[in-house]
Protein backbone atom coordinates (compact mmCIF):
# COMPACT_ATOMS: atom_id res chain seq x y z
CA MET A 1 0.08 0.06 0.39
CA ALA A 2 1.57 3.08 -1.42
CA LYS A 3 1.87 5.81 1.48
CA THR A 4 3.20 9.48 2.03
CA GLY A 5 3.75 12.13 4.67
CA GLY A 6 0.50 13.84 3.21
CA CYS A 7 1.46 17.60 1.91
CA ARG A 8 1.80 21.12 2.51
CA THR A 9 -0.21 23.95 3.24
CA LEU A 10 -1.13 25.49 -0.82
CA ALA A 11 0.80 28.74 0.87
CA ASP A 12 4.33 27.03 -0.01
CA LYS A 13 7.10 28.67 -2.43
CA GLU A 14 7.94 25.74 -3.94
CA GLY A 15 6.90 25.75 -7.56
CA ARG A 16 4.64 23.19 -7.39
CA VAL A 17 0.62 22.80 -8.99
CA ARG A 18 -2.50 23.75 -6.10
CA ILE A 19 -5.03 22.12 -6.55
CA ALA A 20 -8.45 22.54 -4.40
CA ILE A 21 -10.54 19.73 -4.53
CA MET A 22 -14.25 20.75 -3.89
CA GLY A 23 -16.23 17.77 -2.85
CA SER A 24 -13.60 14.73 -1.66
CA GLY A 25 -16.25 11.28 -1.90
CA GLY A 26 -15.72 9.15 -4.46
CA VAL A 27 -14.20 10.74 -7.48
CA GLY A 28 -12.89 13.87 -5.95
CA GLY A 29 -11.09 11.54 -2.47
CA TYR A 30 -9.52 9.59 -5.51
CA PHE A 31 -8.29 11.39 -7.83
CA GLY A 32 -7.08 13.87 -4.98
CA ALA A 33 -5.44 11.23 -2.92
CA LYS A 34 -3.47 10.39 -7.21
CA LEU A 35 -2.52 13.92 -7.08
CA VAL A 36 -0.98 13.66 -3.35
CA LEU A 37 1.17 10.94 -4.56
CA GLY A 38 2.44 11.99 -7.36
CA GLY A 39 3.99 15.42 -5.72
CA ALA A 40 0.87 18.00 -5.47
CA ASP A 41 -0.24 21.09 -3.08
CA VAL A 42 -3.46 19.40 -2.78
CA ALA A 43 -6.40 20.48 -0.13
CA PHE A 44 -9.82 18.42 0.03
CA VAL A 45 -12.93 20.29 0.87
CA ALA A 46 -15.58 17.71 2.77
CA ARG A 47 -17.52 17.82 5.06
CA GLY A 48 -19.21 15.57 8.09
CA ALA A 49 -18.41 12.37 9.48
CA HIS A 50 -15.86 12.28 6.29
CA LEU A 51 -14.41 15.56 7.04
CA ALA A 52 -13.85 14.11 10.84
CA ALA A 53 -12.60 10.86 9.40
CA MET A 54 -10.14 12.46 7.02
CA ARG A 55 -8.72 14.93 9.70
CA ARG A 56 -8.23 12.56 12.25
CA HIS A 57 -7.30 8.98 9.88
CA GLY A 58 -6.27 10.58 6.62
CA LEU A 59 -7.86 9.68 3.61
CA THR A 60 -7.74 6.10 2.57
CA ILE A 61 -7.90 4.29 -0.92
CA GLU A 62 -9.38 0.35 -0.94
CA SER A 63 -8.76 -1.13 -4.15
CA ALA A 64 -7.59 -4.34 -5.24
CA HIS A 65 -5.35 -2.94 -7.74
CA ASP A 66 -4.36 0.28 -6.73
CA PRO A 67 -5.09 0.67 -2.60
CA ILE A 68 -3.66 4.03 -1.25
CA HIS A 69 -3.42 5.93 2.20
CA LEU A 70 -2.40 9.03 3.63
CA PRO A 71 -2.27 8.83 6.85
CA LYS A 72 -2.34 12.53 6.39
CA VAL A 73 -4.05 15.16 4.57
CA ALA A 74 -4.64 18.98 4.58
CA VAL A 75 -9.05 18.64 4.52
CA THR A 76 -10.87 22.03 5.29
CA ASP A 77 -14.82 22.44 5.61
CA ASP A 78 -14.42 26.47 4.57
CA PRO A 79 -13.17 26.70 1.42
CA SER A 80 -11.91 30.66 1.70
CA THR A 81 -9.18 29.24 4.36
CA ILE A 82 -7.30 27.49 1.69
CA GLY A 83 -6.10 30.72 0.09
CA PRO A 84 -4.96 30.97 -3.95
CA VAL A 85 -5.50 27.32 -5.58
CA ASP A 86 -3.61 27.50 -9.32
CA MET A 87 -6.89 24.60 -10.18
CA VAL A 88 -9.86 23.25 -8.85
CA LEU A 89 -11.50 20.47 -9.07
CA PHE A 90 -15.15 20.08 -8.95
CA CYS A 91 -17.33 17.23 -7.89
CA VAL A 92 -20.31 18.10 -5.81
CA LYS A 93 -23.40 16.49 -6.43
CA LEU A 94 -24.86 17.80 -9.24
CA TRP A 95 -27.65 19.67 -6.49
CA ASP A 96 -25.50 21.55 -4.38
CA THR A 97 -23.84 23.32 -7.64
CA GLU A 98 -24.44 26.77 -6.75
CA ASP A 99 -24.06 26.47 -3.16
CA ALA A 100 -20.45 25.28 -3.75
CA ALA A 101 -19.02 27.48 -6.09
CA ARG A 102 -20.23 30.79 -4.23
CA GLN A 103 -17.34 28.75 -1.01
CA LEU A 104 -14.69 28.59 -3.79
CA VAL A 105 -15.03 32.68 -5.23
CA PRO A 106 -12.66 33.69 -1.93
CA ILE A 107 -9.83 31.39 -3.66
CA VAL A 108 -10.49 31.90 -7.81
CA GLY A 109 -7.51 34.05 -9.04
CA PRO A 110 -7.46 35.78 -12.45
CA GLU A 111 -5.90 32.80 -13.76
CA THR A 112 -7.00 29.39 -11.96
CA GLY A 113 -8.89 27.28 -13.62
CA ILE A 114 -11.73 25.48 -12.80
CA ILE A 115 -12.60 21.56 -14.12
CA SER A 116 -16.66 20.49 -13.06
CA PHE A 117 -14.84 16.62 -12.29
CA GLN A 118 -19.24 16.16 -12.43
CA ASN A 119 -22.05 14.30 -14.47
CA GLY A 120 -23.80 15.84 -17.11
CA VAL A 121 -23.53 18.06 -19.64
CA GLN A 122 -25.10 21.05 -18.02
CA LYS A 123 -22.98 21.17 -15.25
CA ASP A 124 -20.68 24.29 -16.51
CA ASP A 125 -23.90 26.14 -17.33
CA MET A 126 -25.04 26.36 -13.59
CA LEU A 127 -21.21 28.04 -13.30
CA ARG A 128 -20.45 30.27 -15.86
CA PRO A 129 -22.83 32.82 -14.33
CA ILE A 130 -20.68 32.45 -10.99
CA PHE A 131 -17.17 32.25 -12.55
CA GLY A 132 -17.78 33.27 -15.99
CA ASP A 133 -15.62 32.00 -19.01
CA LYS A 134 -11.84 32.28 -18.50
CA ALA A 135 -12.20 30.56 -15.52
CA LEU A 136 -14.16 27.43 -16.76
CA MET A 137 -12.19 24.27 -17.88
CA GLY A 138 -14.33 20.92 -19.39
CA GLY A 139 -13.73 18.27 -17.84
CA VAL A 140 -14.68 14.16 -17.57
CA ALA A 141 -13.56 12.06 -14.83
CA TYR A 142 -13.71 7.76 -15.89
CA VAL A 143 -13.32 6.44 -12.25
CA GLY A 144 -15.84 3.23 -10.16
CA THR A 145 -15.83 4.34 -6.33
CA THR A 146 -17.98 5.26 -3.66
CA ILE A 147 -17.38 6.37 0.44
CA GLY A 148 -17.13 2.91 1.49
CA ARG A 149 -17.24 4.17 5.14
CA PRO A 150 -16.24 8.07 6.46
CA GLY A 151 -12.58 8.18 4.86
CA VAL A 152 -12.32 5.88 2.89
CA ILE A 153 -13.44 5.38 -0.83
CA LEU A 154 -13.56 2.13 -2.41
CA GLN A 155 -12.27 1.64 -5.53
CA THR A 156 -14.26 -1.04 -8.42
CA GLY A 157 -12.66 -2.23 -11.05
CA GLN A 158 -9.56 -1.05 -12.62
CA LEU A 159 -10.87 2.35 -14.53
CA GLN A 160 -9.38 5.74 -13.55
CA ARG A 161 -9.46 8.45 -16.47
CA LEU A 162 -9.75 12.25 -16.77
CA VAL A 163 -10.26 13.97 -19.86
CA PHE A 164 -10.16 18.11 -19.99
CA GLY A 165 -9.31 20.95 -21.42
CA GLU A 166 -10.26 24.31 -22.43
CA TYR A 167 -13.77 25.35 -24.19
CA ASP A 168 -11.65 26.71 -27.59
CA GLY A 169 -9.19 24.07 -27.91
CA ARG A 170 -6.04 25.38 -27.44
CA ARG A 171 -3.01 24.00 -25.01
CA SER A 172 -2.80 26.77 -22.02
CA ALA A 173 -0.52 26.28 -19.69
CA ARG A 174 -2.90 25.54 -17.11
CA ALA A 175 -3.98 22.76 -18.58
CA GLU A 176 -0.07 21.67 -18.96
CA ALA A 177 0.26 22.29 -15.83
CA PHE A 178 -2.67 20.04 -14.06
CA LEU A 179 -1.87 17.36 -16.70
CA ALA A 180 1.67 16.82 -16.10
CA ALA A 181 0.68 16.57 -12.35
CA CYS A 182 -1.65 13.71 -13.02
CA LYS A 183 0.56 12.53 -14.59
CA LYS A 184 3.61 12.29 -11.92
CA GLY A 185 0.62 11.02 -9.76
CA GLY A 186 -0.78 7.91 -12.17
CA ILE A 187 -3.64 9.36 -13.35
CA ASN A 188 -4.12 8.42 -16.52
CA ALA A 189 -5.47 11.78 -18.07
CA GLU A 190 -4.95 13.19 -21.50
CA LEU A 191 -6.39 16.94 -23.48
CA SER A 192 -8.92 16.53 -24.94
CA ASP A 193 -8.93 20.20 -28.15
CA ASP A 194 -12.75 19.08 -28.20
CA VAL A 195 -13.46 19.32 -24.52
CA ARG A 196 -17.76 19.72 -25.30
CA ARG A 197 -17.48 16.39 -27.52
CA SER A 198 -15.74 14.89 -24.55
CA LEU A 199 -18.02 15.33 -22.37
CA TRP A 200 -21.22 14.29 -24.61
CA GLU A 201 -19.41 11.01 -24.78
CA LYS A 202 -19.29 10.50 -20.97
CA PHE A 203 -22.98 11.62 -21.27
CA VAL A 204 -23.92 8.48 -23.47
CA VAL A 205 -22.25 5.86 -21.32
CA LEU A 206 -23.03 7.52 -17.31
CA VAL A 207 -26.64 8.10 -18.94
CA ALA A 208 -27.41 4.52 -20.35
CA MET A 209 -25.34 2.61 -16.96
CA SER A 210 -26.94 5.70 -14.77
CA GLY A 211 -30.49 4.59 -15.66
CA ALA A 212 -30.02 0.91 -16.47
CA THR A 213 -28.85 0.28 -13.16
CA ALA A 214 -30.72 2.57 -11.02
CA SER A 215 -33.99 1.56 -12.85
CA MET A 216 -33.30 -2.04 -12.77
CA ARG A 217 -32.45 -1.93 -9.52
CA GLN A 218 -28.87 -4.30 -10.81
CA THR A 219 -25.36 -3.93 -11.40
CA ILE A 220 -23.91 -4.15 -15.21
CA GLY A 221 -23.40 -7.59 -15.02
CA PRO A 222 -27.30 -9.05 -15.37
CA VAL A 223 -28.76 -5.80 -16.70
CA ARG A 224 -25.56 -6.18 -20.07
CA SER A 225 -26.08 -10.63 -19.75
CA HIS A 226 -30.31 -10.86 -20.57
CA PRO A 227 -31.45 -10.05 -24.68
CA LEU A 228 -34.36 -7.76 -23.08
CA THR A 229 -31.77 -5.28 -20.40
CA ARG A 230 -28.43 -4.98 -23.17
CA GLU A 231 -31.22 -3.83 -25.77
CA PHE A 232 -32.39 -1.34 -23.11
CA LEU A 233 -29.23 -0.37 -22.11
CA LEU A 234 -28.69 0.09 -26.22
CA ASP A 235 -31.70 2.12 -26.37
CA LEU A 236 -30.69 4.76 -23.73
CA ALA A 237 -27.30 5.23 -25.51
CA ARG A 238 -28.88 5.53 -28.61
CA GLU A 239 -30.93 8.65 -27.32
CA VAL A 240 -28.04 10.54 -25.97
CA VAL A 241 -26.53 10.48 -29.05
CA ALA A 242 -28.83 11.62 -31.31
CA VAL A 243 -30.19 14.88 -28.92
CA GLY A 244 -25.76 15.13 -28.69
CA ARG A 245 -25.72 15.47 -32.99
CA ALA A 246 -29.02 17.10 -33.15
CA HIS A 247 -26.87 20.00 -30.88
CA GLY A 248 -24.01 20.30 -32.53
CA VAL A 249 -22.15 17.71 -31.09
CA ASN A 250 -19.63 15.80 -32.88
CA LEU A 251 -20.66 12.62 -32.36
CA PRO A 252 -20.45 9.70 -34.87
CA ALA A 253 -23.67 7.76 -35.56
CA ASP A 254 -23.02 4.59 -33.96
CA TYR A 255 -21.18 5.78 -31.19
CA ALA A 256 -23.51 4.11 -28.44
CA GLU A 257 -22.47 0.14 -30.81
CA GLN A 258 -19.39 1.54 -30.93
CA ARG A 259 -19.50 1.36 -26.89
CA ILE A 260 -20.49 -2.05 -26.45
CA PRO A 261 -16.46 -3.38 -25.94
CA PHE A 262 -16.29 -0.83 -23.24
CA PHE A 263 -19.71 -2.01 -21.17
CA ASP A 264 -18.48 -5.50 -21.57
CA GLY A 265 -15.18 -4.80 -20.34
CA TRP A 266 -16.48 -4.10 -17.50
CA PRO A 267 -16.60 -5.66 -14.07
CA PRO A 268 -19.67 -7.44 -13.66
CA GLU A 269 -20.33 -6.06 -9.65
CA MET A 270 -19.77 -2.45 -10.79
CA THR A 271 -22.45 -0.30 -11.32
CA ALA A 272 -23.22 3.77 -11.39
CA SER A 273 -23.07 6.23 -8.74
CA MET A 274 -26.76 6.96 -8.83
CA HIS A 275 -27.67 3.42 -8.18
CA HIS A 276 -25.52 3.78 -5.20
CA ASP A 277 -27.33 7.04 -4.33
CA LEU A 278 -30.97 4.60 -4.77
CA ASN A 279 -29.77 2.32 -2.78
CA ALA A 280 -28.55 3.70 0.30
CA GLY A 281 -31.97 6.73 0.08
CA LYS A 282 -30.20 9.73 -0.60
CA PRO A 283 -30.97 12.49 -3.37
CA LEU A 284 -30.13 11.66 -7.01
CA GLU A 285 -28.75 13.40 -9.95
CA LEU A 286 -31.64 11.59 -11.85
CA ARG A 287 -32.44 15.76 -13.17
CA TRP A 288 -29.22 15.98 -14.90
CA LEU A 289 -29.09 12.69 -16.19
CA SER A 290 -32.59 10.63 -18.20
CA GLY A 291 -34.05 13.55 -17.08
CA GLY A 292 -31.24 15.79 -18.63
CA VAL A 293 -31.96 14.09 -22.23
CA VAL A 294 -34.80 14.65 -21.82
CA ASP A 295 -35.19 18.18 -21.44
CA LEU A 296 -32.43 18.61 -23.72
CA GLY A 297 -34.16 16.73 -26.79
CA ALA A 298 -37.28 18.19 -26.35
CA THR A 299 -35.14 21.25 -27.07
CA VAL A 300 -34.24 20.08 -30.55
CA ALA A 301 -37.30 17.63 -31.42
CA VAL A 302 -35.86 14.14 -30.62
CA PRO A 303 -38.07 11.33 -29.30
CA THR A 304 -36.55 10.41 -25.44
CA PRO A 305 -38.71 7.50 -24.99
CA MET A 306 -36.25 5.28 -22.78
CA ASN A 307 -34.97 7.81 -21.20
CA ARG A 308 -38.06 9.31 -19.97
CA ALA A 309 -39.28 5.73 -18.78
CA VAL A 310 -35.69 5.31 -16.82
CA ARG A 311 -37.10 9.42 -15.59
CA ASP A 312 -40.34 8.77 -14.57
CA ILE A 313 -39.99 5.22 -12.77
CA LEU A 314 -37.39 7.06 -10.45
CA THR A 315 -39.03 10.96 -10.03
CA LEU A 316 -40.99 9.59 -6.90
CA HIS A 317 -36.69 8.58 -5.05
CA ALA A 318 -35.47 11.67 -6.68
CA GLU A 319 -35.19 13.69 -3.43
CA GLY A 320 -33.99 10.65 -1.80
CA ARG A 321 -36.13 9.03 1.58
CA PRO A 322 -36.62 11.06 4.73
CA ALA A 323 -34.75 10.77 7.42
CA SER A 324 -36.62 8.42 9.93
CA ALA A 325 -37.32 6.09 6.27
CA HIS A 326 -33.28 5.82 6.52
């Protein structure tokens, strides 16, 4: 198990990339830990029991392939105490977007990059009014992780990948610096010269995976193994492709079919965060996933009956269970 002595404060002058992780759950916690291992100067923002555990015991990634233990990390529930940073990895749940973004304003300087690794393709539309166009970069994360217990991130499978870039396609200094930090930490990272397409490529996979596993209450193994549910999975993806193409995104018409080896390559026990949230009685990102496809499809007159079915099936669970029902 890899270990480190923790990270220095973001105020040091050693020239390391200074990174704030806003939301230290499955995505932020995992990739933040990898960045720390690579020598980046990382501050985590967390809350509740997860924050308390990280303060006491550091951060642990439990994985059959790449376990990590950081006995000491810089973590806070108040972003304003971090100071200016080079890059923000924005990883909170979508329903927390505006509130979390406003907390970051004190640490965002004129050259700071903000990359949302949240789900969906509408996320940056929520961030743009707060930070403006210049700060925002596009990004997608591929990883099978969740908070197993406070201070501990569980990883399923070996998949871990970040794709990000400037919306105008240029290879900026901040993008190159973050790419180098990712590589040092062993992250499979790449710069995209068409990050809008990259966002939609992830959206195709995520909507299909989350919609099928959550609506069927199953992991990917059973879903892809039965001919009817396998076709349902693909139909969800096909609708996203059709909507994206109608919005001018450069996706091949058969992009859903191109993803079949990707779906088949996942461990059978793998699922999506929306399925985890459903089982835990937490609010769902339904409005921006299957619901987002329905809404975006309506604006370009593309029918989305399969995603509408998922949205409608899960809508009574979208706000989570009341606390007394947990």
